[in-house]
Amino acid sequence: MEKKQISKRLYVGGLSHTVSKAELQERFGKFGRVLDAEIITRKDDQGNPMKTFAYISVSISDADLKKCMSILNKTKWKGGMLQIELAKESFLHRN
């Protein structure tokens, strides 16, 4: 039985500000094909990183998505606690 791959956009919070795109691609590539990873770091007034998160676009089956979420969500990685969920639709794309 062939698993249907669909493109999903994931929000990944709780990242260390030292995490790289390649590390994210390797971590999530075990579950599906990573199409794009965008890392965003919010900084305080002094320019110190406060919060780092990413949006990852991945071609993945529903079963592999569930497996990815159950295995990686709320796990410690590089000093942070991962928070993974389906990204909310951007308000720019809503009709």
PDB file of N, CA and C in Angstrom:
ATOM      1  N   MET A   1       0.839  -1.192   0.000  1.00  0.00           N
ATOM      2  CA  MET A   1       0.000   0.000   0.000  1.00  0.00           C
ATOM      3  C   MET A   1       0.879   1.248   0.000  1.00  0.00           C
ATOM      4  N   GLU A   2       0.667   2.104  -0.941  1.00  0.00           N
ATOM      5  CA  GLU A   2       1.480   3.315  -1.064  1.00  0.00           C
ATOM      6  C   GLU A   2       0.972   4.398  -0.116  1.00  0.00           C
ATOM      7  N   LYS A   3       1.913   5.016   0.590  1.00  0.00           N
ATOM      8  CA  LYS A   3       1.528   6.107   1.486  1.00  0.00           C
ATOM      9  C   LYS A   3       1.492   7.407   0.687  1.00  0.00           C
ATOM     10  N   LYS A   4       0.414   8.137   0.816  1.00  0.00           N
ATOM     11  CA  LYS A   4       0.265   9.386   0.083  1.00  0.00           C
ATOM     12  C   LYS A   4       1.039  10.494   0.791  1.00  0.00           C
ATOM     13  N   GLN A   5       1.946  11.094   0.057  1.00  0.00           N
ATOM     14  CA  GLN A   5       2.748  12.193   0.608  1.00  0.00           C
ATOM     15  C   GLN A   5       2.017  13.509   0.353  1.00  0.00           C
ATOM     16  N   ILE A   6       1.881  14.289   1.398  1.00  0.00           N
ATOM     17  CA  ILE A   6       1.284  15.608   1.244  1.00  0.00           C
ATOM     18  C   ILE A   6       2.226  16.637   1.841  1.00  0.00           C
ATOM     19  N   SER A   7       2.155  17.829   1.330  1.00  0.00           N
ATOM     20  CA  SER A   7       3.025  18.883   1.831  1.00  0.00           C
ATOM     21  C   SER A   7       2.393  19.518   3.073  1.00  0.00           C
ATOM     22  N   LYS A   8       3.147  19.517   4.158  1.00  0.00           N
ATOM     23  CA  LYS A   8       2.684  20.109   5.416  1.00  0.00           C
ATOM     24  C   LYS A   8       3.690  21.147   5.861  1.00  0.00           C
ATOM     25  N   ARG A   9       3.201  22.167   6.539  1.00  0.00           N
ATOM     26  CA  ARG A   9       4.078  23.182   7.108  1.00  0.00           C
ATOM     27  C   ARG A   9       3.997  23.036   8.625  1.00  0.00           C
ATOM     28  N   LEU A  10       5.140  22.791   9.241  1.00  0.00           N
ATOM     29  CA  LEU A  10       5.200  22.588  10.679  1.00  0.00           C
ATOM     30  C   LEU A  10       5.814  23.790  11.373  1.00  0.00           C
ATOM     31  N   TYR A  11       5.279  24.090  12.540  1.00  0.00           N
ATOM     32  CA  TYR A  11       5.884  25.082  13.428  1.00  0.00           C
ATOM     33  C   TYR A  11       6.701  24.292  14.434  1.00  0.00           C
ATOM     34  N   VAL A  12       7.962  24.674  14.620  1.00  0.00           N
ATOM     35  CA  VAL A  12       8.823  24.019  15.599  1.00  0.00           C
ATOM     36  C   VAL A  12       9.350  25.090  16.543  1.00  0.00           C
ATOM     37  N   GLY A  13       8.872  25.053  17.775  1.00  0.00           N
ATOM     38  CA  GLY A  13       9.297  26.029  18.776  1.00  0.00           C
ATOM     39  C   GLY A  13      10.275  25.395  19.748  1.00  0.00           C
ATOM     40  N   GLY A  14      10.835  26.236  20.618  1.00  0.00           N
ATOM     41  CA  GLY A  14      11.739  25.754  21.649  1.00  0.00           C
ATOM     42  C   GLY A  14      13.111  25.389  21.139  1.00  0.00           C
ATOM     43  N   LEU A  15      13.510  25.977  20.014  1.00  0.00           N
ATOM     44  CA  LEU A  15      14.815  25.653  19.445  1.00  0.00           C
ATOM     45  C   LEU A  15      15.928  26.439  20.124  1.00  0.00           C
ATOM     46  N   SER A  16      17.096  25.842  20.156  1.00  0.00           N
ATOM     47  CA  SER A  16      18.296  26.550  20.574  1.00  0.00           C
ATOM     48  C   SER A  16      18.631  27.553  19.469  1.00  0.00           C
ATOM     49  N   HIS A  17      19.140  28.736  19.830  1.00  0.00           N
ATOM     50  CA  HIS A  17      19.460  29.715  18.786  1.00  0.00           C
ATOM     51  C   HIS A  17      20.710  29.337  17.993  1.00  0.00           C
ATOM     52  N   THR A  18      21.330  28.199  18.325  1.00  0.00           N
ATOM     53  CA  THR A  18      22.499  27.743  17.570  1.00  0.00           C
ATOM     54  C   THR A  18      22.128  26.697  16.516  1.00  0.00           C
ATOM     55  N   VAL A  19      20.861  26.310  16.465  1.00  0.00           N
ATOM     56  CA  VAL A  19      20.450  25.259  15.537  1.00  0.00           C
ATOM     57  C   VAL A  19      20.594  25.735  14.090  1.00  0.00           C
ATOM     58  N   SER A  20      20.982  24.816  13.208  1.00  0.00           N
ATOM     59  CA  SER A  20      21.165  25.177  11.796  1.00  0.00           C
ATOM     60  C   SER A  20      20.071  24.543  10.947  1.00  0.00           C
ATOM     61  N   LYS A  21      19.928  25.085   9.748  1.00  0.00           N
ATOM     62  CA  LYS A  21      18.964  24.559   8.785  1.00  0.00           C
ATOM     63  C   LYS A  21      19.268  23.090   8.475  1.00  0.00           C
ATOM     64  N   ALA A  22      20.551  22.785   8.318  1.00  0.00           N
ATOM     65  CA  ALA A  22      20.975  21.420   8.003  1.00  0.00           C
ATOM     66  C   ALA A  22      20.584  20.456   9.124  1.00  0.00           C
ATOM     67  N   GLU A  23      20.734  20.891  10.379  1.00  0.00           N
ATOM     68  CA  GLU A  23      20.369  20.032  11.510  1.00  0.00           C
ATOM     69  C   GLU A  23      18.857  19.775  11.525  1.00  0.00           C
ATOM     70  N   LEU A  24      18.074  20.802  11.237  1.00  0.00           N
ATOM     71  CA  LEU A  24      16.620  20.634  11.169  1.00  0.00           C
ATOM     72  C   LEU A  24      16.244  19.677  10.047  1.00  0.00           C
ATOM     73  N   GLN A  25      16.896  19.855   8.891  1.00  0.00           N
ATOM     74  CA  GLN A  25      16.595  18.988   7.752  1.00  0.00           C
ATOM     75  C   GLN A  25      16.942  17.541   8.066  1.00  0.00           C
ATOM     76  N   GLU A  26      18.049  17.328   8.768  1.00  0.00           N
ATOM     77  CA  GLU A  26      18.445  15.968   9.127  1.00  0.00           C
ATOM     78  C   GLU A  26      17.457  15.377  10.129  1.00  0.00           C
ATOM     79  N   ARG A  27      17.084  16.168  11.121  1.00  0.00           N
ATOM     80  CA  ARG A  27      16.175  15.708  12.192  1.00  0.00           C
ATOM     81  C   ARG A  27      14.794  15.332  11.636  1.00  0.00           C
ATOM     82  N   PHE A  28      14.252  16.184  10.783  1.00  0.00           N
ATOM     83  CA  PHE A  28      12.905  15.953  10.264  1.00  0.00           C
ATOM     84  C   PHE A  28      12.906  15.112   8.990  1.00  0.00           C
ATOM     85  N   GLY A  29      14.059  15.009   8.344  1.00  0.00           N
ATOM     86  CA  GLY A  29      14.186  14.225   7.129  1.00  0.00           C
ATOM     87  C   GLY A  29      14.013  12.730   7.349  1.00  0.00           C
ATOM     88  N   LYS A  30      14.071  12.305   8.607  1.00  0.00           N
ATOM     89  CA  LYS A  30      13.854  10.891   8.932  1.00  0.00           C
ATOM     90  C   LYS A  30      12.393  10.505   8.723  1.00  0.00           C
ATOM     91  N   PHE A  31      11.512  11.487   8.713  1.00  0.00           N
ATOM     92  CA  PHE A  31      10.069  11.222   8.648  1.00  0.00           C
ATOM     93  C   PHE A  31       9.461  11.554   7.291  1.00  0.00           C
ATOM     94  N   GLY A  32      10.075  12.482   6.579  1.00  0.00           N
ATOM     95  CA  GLY A  32       9.555  12.886   5.274  1.00  0.00           C
ATOM     96  C   GLY A  32      10.618  13.690   4.540  1.00  0.00           C
ATOM     97  N   ARG A  33      10.277  14.179   3.358  1.00  0.00           N
ATOM     98  CA  ARG A  33      11.244  14.956   2.571  1.00  0.00           C
ATOM     99  C   ARG A  33      11.093  16.434   2.922  1.00  0.00           C
ATOM    100  N   VAL A  34      12.141  17.005   3.512  1.00  0.00           N
ATOM    101  CA  VAL A  34      12.111  18.416   3.897  1.00  0.00           C
ATOM    102  C   VAL A  34      12.262  19.271   2.641  1.00  0.00           C
ATOM    103  N   LEU A  35      11.261  20.109   2.387  1.00  0.00           N
ATOM    104  CA  LEU A  35      11.273  20.967   1.209  1.00  0.00           C
ATOM    105  C   LEU A  35      11.922  22.315   1.516  1.00  0.00           C
ATOM    106  N   ASP A  36      11.700  22.794   2.746  1.00  0.00           N
ATOM    107  CA  ASP A  36      12.237  24.092   3.125  1.00  0.00           C
ATOM    108  C   ASP A  36      12.243  24.202   4.646  1.00  0.00           C
ATOM    109  N   ALA A  37      13.209  24.920   5.177  1.00  0.00           N
ATOM    110  CA  ALA A  37      13.256  25.191   6.611  1.00  0.00           C
ATOM    111  C   ALA A  37      13.628  26.662   6.789  1.00  0.00           C
ATOM    112  N   GLU A  38      12.821  27.352   7.562  1.00  0.00           N
ATOM    113  CA  GLU A  38      13.039  28.786   7.802  1.00  0.00           C
ATOM    114  C   GLU A  38      13.181  28.991   9.300  1.00  0.00           C
ATOM    115  N   ILE A  39      14.358  29.422   9.734  1.00  0.00           N
ATOM    116  CA  ILE A  39      14.628  29.630  11.158  1.00  0.00           C
ATOM    117  C   ILE A  39      14.455  31.112  11.482  1.00  0.00           C
ATOM    118  N   ILE A  40      13.700  31.396  12.539  1.00  0.00           N
ATOM    119  CA  ILE A  40      13.439  32.781  12.944  1.00  0.00           C
ATOM    120  C   ILE A  40      13.892  32.947  14.393  1.00  0.00           C
ATOM    121  N   THR A  41      14.708  33.971  14.642  1.00  0.00           N
ATOM    122  CA  THR A  41      15.163  34.253  16.001  1.00  0.00           C
ATOM    123  C   THR A  41      14.687  35.635  16.402  1.00  0.00           C
ATOM    124  N   ARG A  42      13.924  35.702  17.483  1.00  0.00           N
ATOM    125  CA  ARG A  42      13.486  36.980  18.042  1.00  0.00           C
ATOM    126  C   ARG A  42      14.568  37.444  19.010  1.00  0.00           C
ATOM    127  N   LYS A  43      14.915  38.716  18.931  1.00  0.00           N
ATOM    128  CA  LYS A  43      15.965  39.253  19.789  1.00  0.00           C
ATOM    129  C   LYS A  43      15.396  40.307  20.744  1.00  0.00           C
ATOM    130  N   ASP A  44      16.053  40.468  21.892  1.00  0.00           N
ATOM    131  CA  ASP A  44      15.630  41.507  22.829  1.00  0.00           C
ATOM    132  C   ASP A  44      16.217  42.855  22.387  1.00  0.00           C
ATOM    133  N   ASP A  45      16.007  43.886  23.181  1.00  0.00           N
ATOM    134  CA  ASP A  45      16.452  45.244  22.815  1.00  0.00           C
ATOM    135  C   ASP A  45      17.969  45.351  22.667  1.00  0.00           C
ATOM    136  N   GLN A  46      18.706  44.481  23.356  1.00  0.00           N
ATOM    137  CA  GLN A  46      20.172  44.495  23.262  1.00  0.00           C
ATOM    138  C   GLN A  46      20.679  43.609  22.122  1.00  0.00           C
ATOM    139  N   GLY A  47      19.779  42.976  21.398  1.00  0.00           N
ATOM    140  CA  GLY A  47      20.187  42.120  20.285  1.00  0.00           C
ATOM    141  C   GLY A  47      20.512  40.695  20.690  1.00  0.00           C
ATOM    142  N   ASN A  48      20.196  40.341  21.937  1.00  0.00           N
ATOM    143  CA  ASN A  48      20.435  38.966  22.398  1.00  0.00           C
ATOM    144  C   ASN A  48      19.275  38.076  21.958  1.00  0.00           C
ATOM    145  N   PRO A  49      19.582  36.867  21.467  1.00  0.00           N
ATOM    146  CA  PRO A  49      18.497  35.969  21.048  1.00  0.00           C
ATOM    147  C   PRO A  49      17.643  35.555  22.245  1.00  0.00           C
ATOM    148  N   MET A  50      16.319  35.710  22.105  1.00  0.00           N
ATOM    149  CA  MET A  50      15.391  35.340  23.176  1.00  0.00           C
ATOM    150  C   MET A  50      14.627  34.070  22.829  1.00  0.00           C
ATOM    151  N   LYS A  51      14.153  34.010  21.600  1.00  0.00           N
ATOM    152  CA  LYS A  51      13.281  32.915  21.195  1.00  0.00           C
ATOM    153  C   LYS A  51      13.632  32.521  19.769  1.00  0.00           C
ATOM    154  N   THR A  52      13.846  31.239  19.558  1.00  0.00           N
ATOM    155  CA  THR A  52      14.138  30.749  18.214  1.00  0.00           C
ATOM    156  C   THR A  52      13.115  29.677  17.861  1.00  0.00           C
ATOM    157  N   PHE A  53      12.556  29.811  16.660  1.00  0.00           N
ATOM    158  CA  PHE A  53      11.598  28.820  16.181  1.00  0.00           C
ATOM    159  C   PHE A  53      11.780  28.679  14.689  1.00  0.00           C
ATOM    160  N   ALA A  54      11.116  27.699  14.110  1.00  0.00           N
ATOM    161  CA  ALA A  54      11.280  27.453  12.683  1.00  0.00           C
ATOM    162  C   ALA A  54       9.955  27.033  12.073  1.00  0.00           C
ATOM    163  N   TYR A  55       9.862  27.272  10.786  1.00  0.00           N
ATOM    164  CA  TYR A  55       8.779  26.729   9.989  1.00  0.00           C
ATOM    165  C   TYR A  55       9.429  25.765   9.009  1.00  0.00           C
ATOM    166  N   ILE A  56       8.951  24.549   8.998  1.00  0.00           N
ATOM    167  CA  ILE A  56       9.518  23.527   8.132  1.00  0.00           C
ATOM    168  C   ILE A  56       8.433  23.030   7.192  1.00  0.00           C
ATOM    169  N   SER A  57       8.701  23.102   5.895  1.00  0.00           N
ATOM    170  CA  SER A  57       7.785  22.530   4.907  1.00  0.00           C
ATOM    171  C   SER A  57       8.306  21.143   4.581  1.00  0.00           C
ATOM    172  N   VAL A  58       7.436  20.154   4.720  1.00  0.00           N
ATOM    173  CA  VAL A  58       7.862  18.778   4.553  1.00  0.00           C
ATOM    174  C   VAL A  58       6.810  18.004   3.760  1.00  0.00           C
ATOM    175  N   SER A  59       7.294  17.161   2.851  1.00  0.00           N
ATOM    176  CA  SER A  59       6.409  16.268   2.110  1.00  0.00           C
ATOM    177  C   SER A  59       6.361  14.980   2.907  1.00  0.00           C
ATOM    178  N   ILE A  60       5.172  14.670   3.448  1.00  0.00           N
ATOM    179  CA  ILE A  60       5.087  13.608   4.445  1.00  0.00           C
ATOM    180  C   ILE A  60       3.714  12.950   4.380  1.00  0.00           C
ATOM    181  N   SER A  61       3.645  11.683   4.740  1.00  0.00           N
ATOM    182  CA  SER A  61       2.345  11.009   4.814  1.00  0.00           C
ATOM    183  C   SER A  61       1.730  11.311   6.176  1.00  0.00           C
ATOM    184  N   ASP A  62       0.419  11.143   6.282  1.00  0.00           N
ATOM    185  CA  ASP A  62      -0.258  11.388   7.564  1.00  0.00           C
ATOM    186  C   ASP A  62       0.314  10.496   8.668  1.00  0.00           C
ATOM    187  N   ALA A  63       0.574   9.230   8.328  1.00  0.00           N
ATOM    188  CA  ALA A  63       1.105   8.283   9.321  1.00  0.00           C
ATOM    189  C   ALA A  63       2.489   8.729   9.807  1.00  0.00           C
ATOM    190  N   ASP A  64       3.351   9.169   8.865  1.00  0.00           N
ATOM    191  CA  ASP A  64       4.694   9.614   9.253  1.00  0.00           C
ATOM    192  C   ASP A  64       4.635  10.928  10.024  1.00  0.00           C
ATOM    193  N   LEU A  65       3.661  11.771   9.699  1.00  0.00           N
ATOM    194  CA  LEU A  65       3.495  13.024  10.435  1.00  0.00           C
ATOM    195  C   LEU A  65       3.127  12.723  11.889  1.00  0.00           C
ATOM    196  N   LYS A  66       2.206  11.798  12.082  1.00  0.00           N
ATOM    197  CA  LYS A  66       1.815  11.412  13.447  1.00  0.00           C
ATOM    198  C   LYS A  66       3.011  10.842  14.201  1.00  0.00           C
ATOM    199  N   LYS A  67       3.803  10.011  13.502  1.00  0.00           N
ATOM    200  CA  LYS A  67       4.981   9.407  14.118  1.00  0.00           C
ATOM    201  C   LYS A  67       5.996  10.496  14.492  1.00  0.00           C
ATOM    202  N   CYS A  68       6.220  11.431  13.597  1.00  0.00           N
ATOM    203  CA  CYS A  68       7.152  12.542  13.828  1.00  0.00           C
ATOM    204  C   CYS A  68       6.731  13.335  15.062  1.00  0.00           C
ATOM    205  N   MET A  69       5.444  13.679  15.124  1.00  0.00           N
ATOM    206  CA  MET A  69       4.937  14.480  16.242  1.00  0.00           C
ATOM    207  C   MET A  69       5.078  13.703  17.557  1.00  0.00           C
ATOM    208  N   SER A  70       4.737  12.418  17.544  1.00  0.00           N
ATOM    209  CA  SER A  70       4.772  11.657  18.797  1.00  0.00           C
ATOM    210  C   SER A  70       6.206  11.416  19.262  1.00  0.00           C
ATOM    211  N   ILE A  71       7.132  11.276  18.326  1.00  0.00           N
ATOM    212  CA  ILE A  71       8.527  11.005  18.707  1.00  0.00           C
ATOM    213  C   ILE A  71       9.268  12.290  19.107  1.00  0.00           C
ATOM    214  N   LEU A  72       9.088  13.374  18.348  1.00  0.00           N
ATOM    215  CA  LEU A  72       9.894  14.574  18.580  1.00  0.00           C
ATOM    216  C   LEU A  72       9.257  15.623  19.481  1.00  0.00           C
ATOM    217  N   ASN A  73       7.932  15.691  19.516  1.00  0.00           N
ATOM    218  CA  ASN A  73       7.283  16.740  20.305  1.00  0.00           C
ATOM    219  C   ASN A  73       7.595  16.574  21.797  1.00  0.00           C
ATOM    220  N   LYS A  74       7.913  17.669  22.448  1.00  0.00           N
ATOM    221  CA  LYS A  74       8.229  17.713  23.877  1.00  0.00           C
ATOM    222  C   LYS A  74       9.493  16.919  24.241  1.00  0.00           C
ATOM    223  N   THR A  75      10.419  16.828  23.288  1.00  0.00           N
ATOM    224  CA  THR A  75      11.706  16.202  23.591  1.00  0.00           C
ATOM    225  C   THR A  75      12.761  17.291  23.704  1.00  0.00           C
ATOM    226  N   LYS A  76      13.797  17.010  24.481  1.00  0.00           N
ATOM    227  CA  LYS A  76      14.897  17.963  24.612  1.00  0.00           C
ATOM    228  C   LYS A  76      15.847  17.782  23.432  1.00  0.00           C
ATOM    229  N   TRP A  77      16.273  18.912  22.871  1.00  0.00           N
ATOM    230  CA  TRP A  77      17.240  18.879  21.776  1.00  0.00           C
ATOM    231  C   TRP A  77      18.072  20.146  21.828  1.00  0.00           C
ATOM    232  N   LYS A  78      19.389  19.977  21.945  1.00  0.00           N
ATOM    233  CA  LYS A  78      20.336  21.103  21.961  1.00  0.00           C
ATOM    234  C   LYS A  78      19.967  22.145  23.023  1.00  0.00           C
ATOM    235  N   GLY A  79      19.504  21.681  24.162  1.00  0.00           N
ATOM    236  CA  GLY A  79      19.212  22.591  25.263  1.00  0.00           C
ATOM    237  C   GLY A  79      17.814  23.197  25.245  1.00  0.00           C
ATOM    238  N   GLY A  80      17.022  22.880  24.251  1.00  0.00           N
ATOM    239  CA  GLY A  80      15.659  23.406  24.193  1.00  0.00           C
ATOM    240  C   GLY A  80      14.648  22.274  24.267  1.00  0.00           C
ATOM    241  N   MET A  81      13.404  22.622  24.536  1.00  0.00           N
ATOM    242  CA  MET A  81      12.313  21.635  24.565  1.00  0.00           C
ATOM    243  C   MET A  81      11.480  21.860  23.312  1.00  0.00           C
ATOM    244  N   LEU A  82      11.498  20.886  22.403  1.00  0.00           N
ATOM    245  CA  LEU A  82      10.800  21.045  21.133  1.00  0.00           C
ATOM    246  C   LEU A  82       9.284  21.090  21.320  1.00  0.00           C
ATOM    247  N   GLN A  83       8.674  21.992  20.584  1.00  0.00           N
ATOM    248  CA  GLN A  83       7.215  22.090  20.537  1.00  0.00           C
ATOM    249  C   GLN A  83       6.859  22.060  19.054  1.00  0.00           C
ATOM    250  N   ILE A  84       6.194  20.990  18.632  1.00  0.00           N
ATOM    251  CA  ILE A  84       5.905  20.823  17.206  1.00  0.00           C
ATOM    252  C   ILE A  84       4.399  20.790  17.000  1.00  0.00           C
ATOM    253  N   GLU A  85       3.945  21.580  16.049  1.00  0.00           N
ATOM    254  CA  GLU A  85       2.527  21.549  15.685  1.00  0.00           C
ATOM    255  C   GLU A  85       2.390  21.966  14.236  1.00  0.00           C
ATOM    256  N   LEU A  86       1.241  21.687  13.668  1.00  0.00           N
ATOM    257  CA  LEU A  86       0.996  22.151  12.310  1.00  0.00           C
ATOM    258  C   LEU A  86       0.957  23.673  12.347  1.00  0.00           C
ATOM    259  N   ALA A  87       1.642  24.287  11.407  1.00  0.00           N
ATOM    260  CA  ALA A  87       1.668  25.752  11.374  1.00  0.00           C
ATOM    261  C   ALA A  87       0.271  26.265  11.052  1.00  0.00           C
ATOM    262  N   LYS A  88      -0.065  27.368  11.706  1.00  0.00           N
ATOM    263  CA  LYS A  88      -1.350  28.000  11.412  1.00  0.00           C
ATOM    264  C   LYS A  88      -1.222  28.713  10.075  1.00  0.00           C
ATOM    265  N   GLU A  89      -2.303  28.777   9.355  1.00  0.00           N
ATOM    266  CA  GLU A  89      -2.265  29.489   8.075  1.00  0.00           C
ATOM    267  C   GLU A  89      -1.905  30.947   8.345  1.00  0.00           C
ATOM    268  N   SER A  90      -1.002  31.464   7.568  1.00  0.00           N
ATOM    269  CA  SER A  90      -0.648  32.872   7.706  1.00  0.00           C
ATOM    270  C   SER A  90      -1.857  33.739   7.386  1.00  0.00           C
ATOM    271  N   PHE A  91      -2.010  34.825   8.132  1.00  0.00           N
ATOM    272  CA  PHE A  91      -3.159  35.705   7.882  1.00  0.00           C
ATOM    273  C   PHE A  91      -3.092  36.295   6.480  1.00  0.00           C
ATOM    274  N   LEU A  92      -1.913  36.297   5.875  1.00  0.00           N
ATOM    275  CA  LEU A  92      -1.775  36.832   4.521  1.00  0.00           C
ATOM    276  C   LEU A  92      -2.416  35.909   3.492  1.00  0.00           C
ATOM    277  N   HIS A  93      -2.519  34.612   3.834  1.00  0.00           N
ATOM    278  CA  HIS A  93      -3.040  33.648   2.866  1.00  0.00           C
ATOM    279  C   HIS A  93      -4.525  33.346   3.055  1.00  0.00           C
ATOM    280  N   ARG A  94      -5.126  33.921   4.083  1.00  0.00           N
ATOM    281  CA  ARG A  94      -6.541  33.667   4.324  1.00  0.00           C
ATOM    282  C   ARG A  94      -7.393  34.455   3.348  1.00  0.00           C
ATOM    283  N   ASN A  95      -8.540  33.887   2.999  1.00  0.00           N
ATOM    284  CA  ASN A  95      -9.455  34.601   2.114  1.00  0.00           C
ATOM    285  C   ASN A  95     -10.544  35.272   2.914  1.00  0.00           C
TER     286      ASN A  95
END
